[in-house]
PDB file of N, CA and C in Angstrom:
ATOM      1  N   MET A   1       1.256 -29.708   3.314  1.00  0.00           N
ATOM      2  CA  MET A   1       1.478 -30.969   2.672  1.00  0.00           C
ATOM      3  C   MET A   1       2.180 -31.896   3.662  1.00  0.00           C
ATOM      4  N   VAL A   2       1.681 -33.099   3.754  1.00  0.00           N
ATOM      5  CA  VAL A   2       2.311 -34.090   4.624  1.00  0.00           C
ATOM      6  C   VAL A   2       2.790 -35.257   3.770  1.00  0.00           C
ATOM      7  N   PRO A   3       3.816 -35.978   4.216  1.00  0.00           N
ATOM      8  CA  PRO A   3       4.312 -37.116   3.447  1.00  0.00           C
ATOM      9  C   PRO A   3       3.246 -38.200   3.303  1.00  0.00           C
ATOM     10  N   ALA A   4       3.368 -38.966   2.221  1.00  0.00           N
ATOM     11  CA  ALA A   4       2.444 -40.083   1.992  1.00  0.00           C
ATOM     12  C   ALA A   4       2.627 -41.143   3.075  1.00  0.00           C
ATOM     13  N   GLY A   5       1.636 -42.007   3.201  1.00  0.00           N
ATOM     14  CA  GLY A   5       1.717 -43.103   4.161  1.00  0.00           C
ATOM     15  C   GLY A   5       1.084 -42.751   5.491  1.00  0.00           C
ATOM     16  N   ASP A   6       1.734 -43.165   6.568  1.00  0.00           N
ATOM     17  CA  ASP A   6       1.190 -42.968   7.912  1.00  0.00           C
ATOM     18  C   ASP A   6       0.917 -41.494   8.259  1.00  0.00           C
ATOM     19  N   PRO A   7       1.803 -40.547   7.881  1.00  0.00           N
ATOM     20  CA  PRO A   7       1.502 -39.149   8.201  1.00  0.00           C
ATOM     21  C   PRO A   7       0.198 -38.669   7.551  1.00  0.00           C
ATOM     22  N   THR A   8      -0.034 -39.064   6.309  1.00  0.00           N
ATOM     23  CA  THR A   8      -1.284 -38.683   5.646  1.00  0.00           C
ATOM     24  C   THR A   8      -2.465 -39.333   6.341  1.00  0.00           C
ATOM     25  N   GLU A   9      -2.328 -40.612   6.644  1.00  0.00           N
ATOM     26  CA  GLU A   9      -3.417 -41.354   7.293  1.00  0.00           C
ATOM     27  C   GLU A   9      -3.801 -40.709   8.620  1.00  0.00           C
ATOM     28  N   SER A  10      -2.818 -40.404   9.446  1.00  0.00           N
ATOM     29  CA  SER A  10      -3.126 -39.830  10.761  1.00  0.00           C
ATOM     30  C   SER A  10      -3.703 -38.415  10.632  1.00  0.00           C
ATOM     31  N   THR A  11      -3.226 -37.650   9.661  1.00  0.00           N
ATOM     32  CA  THR A  11      -3.758 -36.295   9.458  1.00  0.00           C
ATOM     33  C   THR A  11      -5.214 -36.347   9.020  1.00  0.00           C
ATOM     34  N   VAL A  12      -5.528 -37.229   8.085  1.00  0.00           N
ATOM     35  CA  VAL A  12      -6.904 -37.361   7.606  1.00  0.00           C
ATOM     36  C   VAL A  12      -7.827 -37.797   8.750  1.00  0.00           C
ATOM     37  N   MET A  13      -7.384 -38.746   9.557  1.00  0.00           N
ATOM     38  CA  MET A  13      -8.220 -39.228  10.659  1.00  0.00           C
ATOM     39  C   MET A  13      -8.424 -38.140  11.721  1.00  0.00           C
ATOM     40  N   LYS A  14      -7.394 -37.331  11.974  1.00  0.00           N
ATOM     41  CA  LYS A  14      -7.543 -36.229  12.927  1.00  0.00           C
ATOM     42  C   LYS A  14      -8.523 -35.183  12.396  1.00  0.00           C
ATOM     43  N   LEU A  15      -8.433 -34.891  11.102  1.00  0.00           N
ATOM     44  CA  LEU A  15      -9.375 -33.953  10.500  1.00  0.00           C
ATOM     45  C   LEU A  15     -10.800 -34.480  10.594  1.00  0.00           C
ATOM     46  N   ALA A  16     -10.956 -35.770  10.360  1.00  0.00           N
ATOM     47  CA  ALA A  16     -12.291 -36.378  10.392  1.00  0.00           C
ATOM     48  C   ALA A  16     -12.952 -36.221  11.763  1.00  0.00           C
ATOM     49  N   GLU A  17     -12.150 -36.165  12.804  1.00  0.00           N
ATOM     50  CA  GLU A  17     -12.687 -36.022  14.159  1.00  0.00           C
ATOM     51  C   GLU A  17     -13.257 -34.627  14.413  1.00  0.00           C
ATOM     52  N   ILE A  18     -12.739 -33.615  13.720  1.00  0.00           N
ATOM     53  CA  ILE A  18     -13.175 -32.247  14.009  1.00  0.00           C
ATOM     54  C   ILE A  18     -14.090 -31.650  12.937  1.00  0.00           C
ATOM     55  N   LEU A  19     -14.160 -32.300  11.786  1.00  0.00           N
ATOM     56  CA  LEU A  19     -15.019 -31.786  10.717  1.00  0.00           C
ATOM     57  C   LEU A  19     -16.460 -32.219  10.918  1.00  0.00           C
ATOM     58  N   GLU A  20     -17.345 -31.551  10.213  1.00  0.00           N
ATOM     59  CA  GLU A  20     -18.779 -31.840  10.323  1.00  0.00           C
ATOM     60  C   GLU A  20     -19.274 -32.476   9.035  1.00  0.00           C
ATOM     61  N   PRO A  21     -20.388 -33.220   9.107  1.00  0.00           N
ATOM     62  CA  PRO A  21     -20.950 -33.805   7.892  1.00  0.00           C
ATOM     63  C   PRO A  21     -21.141 -32.735   6.816  1.00  0.00           C
ATOM     64  N   GLY A  22     -20.761 -33.094   5.597  1.00  0.00           N
ATOM     65  CA  GLY A  22     -20.845 -32.160   4.487  1.00  0.00           C
ATOM     66  C   GLY A  22     -19.519 -31.484   4.168  1.00  0.00           C
ATOM     67  N   ASP A  23     -18.553 -31.570   5.099  1.00  0.00           N
ATOM     68  CA  ASP A  23     -17.232 -30.991   4.856  1.00  0.00           C
ATOM     69  C   ASP A  23     -16.449 -31.876   3.889  1.00  0.00           C
ATOM     70  N   VAL A  24     -15.415 -31.288   3.294  1.00  0.00           N
ATOM     71  CA  VAL A  24     -14.626 -31.976   2.269  1.00  0.00           C
ATOM     72  C   VAL A  24     -13.145 -31.941   2.642  1.00  0.00           C
ATOM     73  N   ILE A  25     -12.485 -33.073   2.484  1.00  0.00           N
ATOM     74  CA  ILE A  25     -11.033 -33.154   2.620  1.00  0.00           C
ATOM     75  C   ILE A  25     -10.481 -33.388   1.224  1.00  0.00           C
ATOM     76  N   ILE A  26      -9.515 -32.550   0.811  1.00  0.00           N
ATOM     77  CA  ILE A  26      -8.874 -32.718  -0.492  1.00  0.00           C
ATOM     78  C   ILE A  26      -7.427 -33.136  -0.258  1.00  0.00           C
ATOM     79  N   ASP A  27      -7.073 -34.303  -0.776  1.00  0.00           N
ATOM     80  CA  ASP A  27      -5.707 -34.820  -0.692  1.00  0.00           C
ATOM     81  C   ASP A  27      -5.026 -34.485  -2.010  1.00  0.00           C
ATOM     82  N   GLY A  28      -4.096 -33.556  -1.981  1.00  0.00           N
ATOM     83  CA  GLY A  28      -3.423 -33.112  -3.190  1.00  0.00           C
ATOM     84  C   GLY A  28      -2.078 -33.770  -3.414  1.00  0.00           C
ATOM     85  N   GLY A  29      -1.809 -34.844  -2.715  1.00  0.00           N
ATOM     86  CA  GLY A  29      -0.535 -35.537  -2.864  1.00  0.00           C
ATOM     87  C   GLY A  29      -0.613 -36.668  -3.870  1.00  0.00           C
ATOM     88  N   ASN A  30       0.299 -37.577  -3.778  1.00  0.00           N
ATOM     89  CA  ASN A  30       0.346 -38.711  -4.687  1.00  0.00           C
ATOM     90  C   ASN A  30       0.060 -40.005  -3.945  1.00  0.00           C
ATOM     91  N   SER A  31      -1.033 -40.030  -3.202  1.00  0.00           N
ATOM     92  CA  SER A  31      -1.398 -41.245  -2.476  1.00  0.00           C
ATOM     93  C   SER A  31      -1.763 -42.349  -3.443  1.00  0.00           C
ATOM     94  N   ASN A  32      -1.543 -43.571  -3.020  1.00  0.00           N
ATOM     95  CA  ASN A  32      -1.964 -44.722  -3.805  1.00  0.00           C
ATOM     96  C   ASN A  32      -3.472 -44.687  -3.949  1.00  0.00           C
ATOM     97  N   TYR A  33      -3.964 -44.904  -5.148  1.00  0.00           N
ATOM     98  CA  TYR A  33      -5.402 -44.794  -5.385  1.00  0.00           C
ATOM     99  C   TYR A  33      -6.221 -45.744  -4.517  1.00  0.00           C
ATOM    100  N   LYS A  34      -5.648 -46.883  -4.146  1.00  0.00           N
ATOM    101  CA  LYS A  34      -6.376 -47.821  -3.278  1.00  0.00           C
ATOM    102  C   LYS A  34      -6.598 -47.210  -1.898  1.00  0.00           C
ATOM    103  N   ASN A  35      -5.612 -46.462  -1.393  1.00  0.00           N
ATOM    104  CA  ASN A  35      -5.775 -45.773  -0.111  1.00  0.00           C
ATOM    105  C   ASN A  35      -6.804 -44.661  -0.236  1.00  0.00           C
ATOM    106  N   THR A  36      -6.814 -43.980  -1.374  1.00  0.00           N
ATOM    107  CA  THR A  36      -7.788 -42.912  -1.602  1.00  0.00           C
ATOM    108  C   THR A  36      -9.203 -43.471  -1.579  1.00  0.00           C
ATOM    109  N   ILE A  37      -9.422 -44.583  -2.248  1.00  0.00           N
ATOM    110  CA  ILE A  37     -10.742 -45.212  -2.271  1.00  0.00           C
ATOM    111  C   ILE A  37     -11.150 -45.656  -0.871  1.00  0.00           C
ATOM    112  N   ARG A  38     -10.222 -46.277  -0.152  1.00  0.00           N
ATOM    113  CA  ARG A  38     -10.512 -46.753   1.212  1.00  0.00           C
ATOM    114  C   ARG A  38     -10.868 -45.588   2.135  1.00  0.00           C
ATOM    115  N   ARG A  39     -10.083 -44.523   2.080  1.00  0.00           N
ATOM    116  CA  ARG A  39     -10.360 -43.363   2.926  1.00  0.00           C
ATOM    117  C   ARG A  39     -11.696 -42.723   2.553  1.00  0.00           C
ATOM    118  N   GLY A  40     -11.955 -42.624   1.269  1.00  0.00           N
ATOM    119  CA  GLY A  40     -13.210 -42.031   0.818  1.00  0.00           C
ATOM    120  C   GLY A  40     -14.420 -42.773   1.334  1.00  0.00           C
ATOM    121  N   LYS A  41     -14.367 -44.100   1.288  1.00  0.00           N
ATOM    122  CA  LYS A  41     -15.483 -44.917   1.784  1.00  0.00           C
ATOM    123  C   LYS A  41     -15.651 -44.750   3.294  1.00  0.00           C
ATOM    124  N   ALA A  42     -14.536 -44.775   4.009  1.00  0.00           N
ATOM    125  CA  ALA A  42     -14.600 -44.648   5.471  1.00  0.00           C
ATOM    126  C   ALA A  42     -15.151 -43.285   5.885  1.00  0.00           C
ATOM    127  N   LEU A  43     -14.708 -42.229   5.220  1.00  0.00           N
ATOM    128  CA  LEU A  43     -15.154 -40.886   5.578  1.00  0.00           C
ATOM    129  C   LEU A  43     -16.602 -40.650   5.173  1.00  0.00           C
ATOM    130  N   ALA A  44     -17.019 -41.267   4.077  1.00  0.00           N
ATOM    131  CA  ALA A  44     -18.408 -41.114   3.622  1.00  0.00           C
ATOM    132  C   ALA A  44     -19.394 -41.643   4.657  1.00  0.00           C
ATOM    133  N   GLU A  45     -18.985 -42.645   5.427  1.00  0.00           N
ATOM    134  CA  GLU A  45     -19.846 -43.186   6.481  1.00  0.00           C
ATOM    135  C   GLU A  45     -20.165 -42.134   7.536  1.00  0.00           C
ATOM    136  N   ASN A  46     -19.283 -41.128   7.656  1.00  0.00           N
ATOM    137  CA  ASN A  46     -19.489 -40.035   8.612  1.00  0.00           C
ATOM    138  C   ASN A  46     -19.976 -38.763   7.935  1.00  0.00           C
ATOM    139  N   GLY A  47     -20.367 -38.873   6.660  1.00  0.00           N
ATOM    140  CA  GLY A  47     -20.904 -37.729   5.950  1.00  0.00           C
ATOM    141  C   GLY A  47     -19.860 -36.774   5.408  1.00  0.00           C
ATOM    142  N   LEU A  48     -18.606 -37.218   5.377  1.00  0.00           N
ATOM    143  CA  LEU A  48     -17.530 -36.376   4.862  1.00  0.00           C
ATOM    144  C   LEU A  48     -17.176 -36.806   3.439  1.00  0.00           C
ATOM    145  N   ALA A  49     -16.770 -35.838   2.631  1.00  0.00           N
ATOM    146  CA  ALA A  49     -16.312 -36.135   1.278  1.00  0.00           C
ATOM    147  C   ALA A  49     -14.791 -36.114   1.257  1.00  0.00           C
ATOM    148  N   TYR A  50     -14.202 -37.021   0.490  1.00  0.00           N
ATOM    149  CA  TYR A  50     -12.746 -37.107   0.375  1.00  0.00           C
ATOM    150  C   TYR A  50     -12.391 -37.124  -1.096  1.00  0.00           C
ATOM    151  N   ILE A  51     -11.606 -36.149  -1.519  1.00  0.00           N
ATOM    152  CA  ILE A  51     -11.200 -36.045  -2.913  1.00  0.00           C
ATOM    153  C   ILE A  51      -9.692 -36.225  -2.978  1.00  0.00           C
ATOM    154  N   GLY A  52      -9.261 -37.209  -3.735  1.00  0.00           N
ATOM    155  CA  GLY A  52      -7.834 -37.443  -3.928  1.00  0.00           C
ATOM    156  C   GLY A  52      -7.412 -36.950  -5.298  1.00  0.00           C
ATOM    157  N   LEU A  53      -6.496 -36.008  -5.334  1.00  0.00           N
ATOM    158  CA  LEU A  53      -5.996 -35.459  -6.596  1.00  0.00           C
ATOM    159  C   LEU A  53      -4.484 -35.583  -6.640  1.00  0.00           C
ATOM    160  N   GLN A  54      -3.966 -35.929  -7.804  1.00  0.00           N
ATOM    161  CA  GLN A  54      -2.525 -35.902  -7.965  1.00  0.00           C
ATOM    162  C   GLN A  54      -2.073 -34.452  -8.004  1.00  0.00           C
ATOM    163  N   LYS A  55      -0.795 -34.238  -7.813  1.00  0.00           N
ATOM    164  CA  LYS A  55      -0.261 -32.876  -7.743  1.00  0.00           C
ATOM    165  C   LYS A  55      -0.613 -32.059  -8.982  1.00  0.00           C
ATOM    166  N   THR A  56      -0.505 -32.642 -10.153  1.00  0.00           N
ATOM    167  CA  THR A  56      -0.796 -31.899 -11.387  1.00  0.00           C
ATOM    168  C   THR A  56      -2.248 -31.461 -11.421  1.00  0.00           C
ATOM    169  N   LYS A  57      -3.149 -32.373 -11.065  1.00  0.00           N
ATOM    170  CA  LYS A  57      -4.568 -32.030 -11.058  1.00  0.00           C
ATOM    171  C   LYS A  57      -4.862 -30.994  -9.984  1.00  0.00           C
ATOM    172  N   MET A  58      -4.143 -31.049  -8.883  1.00  0.00           N
ATOM    173  CA  MET A  58      -4.332 -30.072  -7.814  1.00  0.00           C
ATOM    174  C   MET A  58      -3.948 -28.677  -8.296  1.00  0.00           C
ATOM    175  N   LEU A  59      -2.874 -28.584  -9.066  1.00  0.00           N
ATOM    176  CA  LEU A  59      -2.466 -27.285  -9.607  1.00  0.00           C
ATOM    177  C   LEU A  59      -3.532 -26.734 -10.544  1.00  0.00           C
ATOM    178  N   LEU A  60      -4.118 -27.603 -11.362  1.00  0.00           N
ATOM    179  CA  LEU A  60      -5.177 -27.167 -12.264  1.00  0.00           C
ATOM    180  C   LEU A  60      -6.410 -26.719 -11.488  1.00  0.00           C
ATOM    181  N   LEU A  61      -6.768 -27.446 -10.424  1.00  0.00           N
ATOM    182  CA  LEU A  61      -7.907 -27.069  -9.591  1.00  0.00           C
ATOM    183  C   LEU A  61      -7.647 -25.709  -8.947  1.00  0.00           C
ATOM    184  N   ASN A  62      -6.455 -25.493  -8.454  1.00  0.00           N
ATOM    185  CA  ASN A  62      -6.073 -24.226  -7.838  1.00  0.00           C
ATOM    186  C   ASN A  62      -6.231 -23.083  -8.852  1.00  0.00           C
ATOM    187  N   LEU A  63      -5.762 -23.293 -10.071  1.00  0.00           N
ATOM    188  CA  LEU A  63      -5.888 -22.280 -11.110  1.00  0.00           C
ATOM    189  C   LEU A  63      -7.352 -22.011 -11.425  1.00  0.00           C
ATOM    190  N   PHE A  64      -8.152 -23.052 -11.525  1.00  0.00           N
ATOM    191  CA  PHE A  64      -9.576 -22.921 -11.822  1.00  0.00           C
ATOM    192  C   PHE A  64     -10.282 -22.117 -10.727  1.00  0.00           C
ATOM    193  N   ILE A  65      -9.968 -22.398  -9.484  1.00  0.00           N
ATOM    194  CA  ILE A  65     -10.592 -21.676  -8.360  1.00  0.00           C
ATOM    195  C   ILE A  65     -10.200 -20.203  -8.407  1.00  0.00           C
ATOM    196  N   ARG A  66      -8.950 -19.907  -8.714  1.00  0.00           N
ATOM    197  CA  ARG A  66      -8.501 -18.507  -8.792  1.00  0.00           C
ATOM    198  C   ARG A  66      -9.217 -17.757  -9.901  1.00  0.00           C
ATOM    199  N   ILE A  67      -9.507 -18.446 -11.003  1.00  0.00           N
ATOM    200  CA  ILE A  67     -10.225 -17.811 -12.105  1.00  0.00           C
ATOM    201  C   ILE A  67     -11.656 -17.488 -11.675  1.00  0.00           C
ATOM    202  N   LEU A  68     -12.274 -18.387 -10.927  1.00  0.00           N
ATOM    203  CA  LEU A  68     -13.647 -18.185 -10.488  1.00  0.00           C
ATOM    204  C   LEU A  68     -13.795 -17.062  -9.463  1.00  0.00           C
ATOM    205  N   VAL A  69     -12.783 -16.909  -8.631  1.00  0.00           N
ATOM    206  CA  VAL A  69     -12.849 -15.922  -7.550  1.00  0.00           C
ATOM    207  C   VAL A  69     -12.339 -14.643  -8.023  1.00  0.00           C
TER     208      VAL A  69
END
């Protein structure tokens, strides 16, 4: 987990450089939804998916994945 703001932005951009089209970045923090939308659009241009989830939703997703596996 990285702090919101510039640390998140730089981490996402660094990941985008090494990931391949079709890969997914999941942001489980509390980023401003406007930043989430902006990042999602920018990453989609490179074939990457970006999912922004609040912490509570991230916990539910984690539980759901554990049930499936």
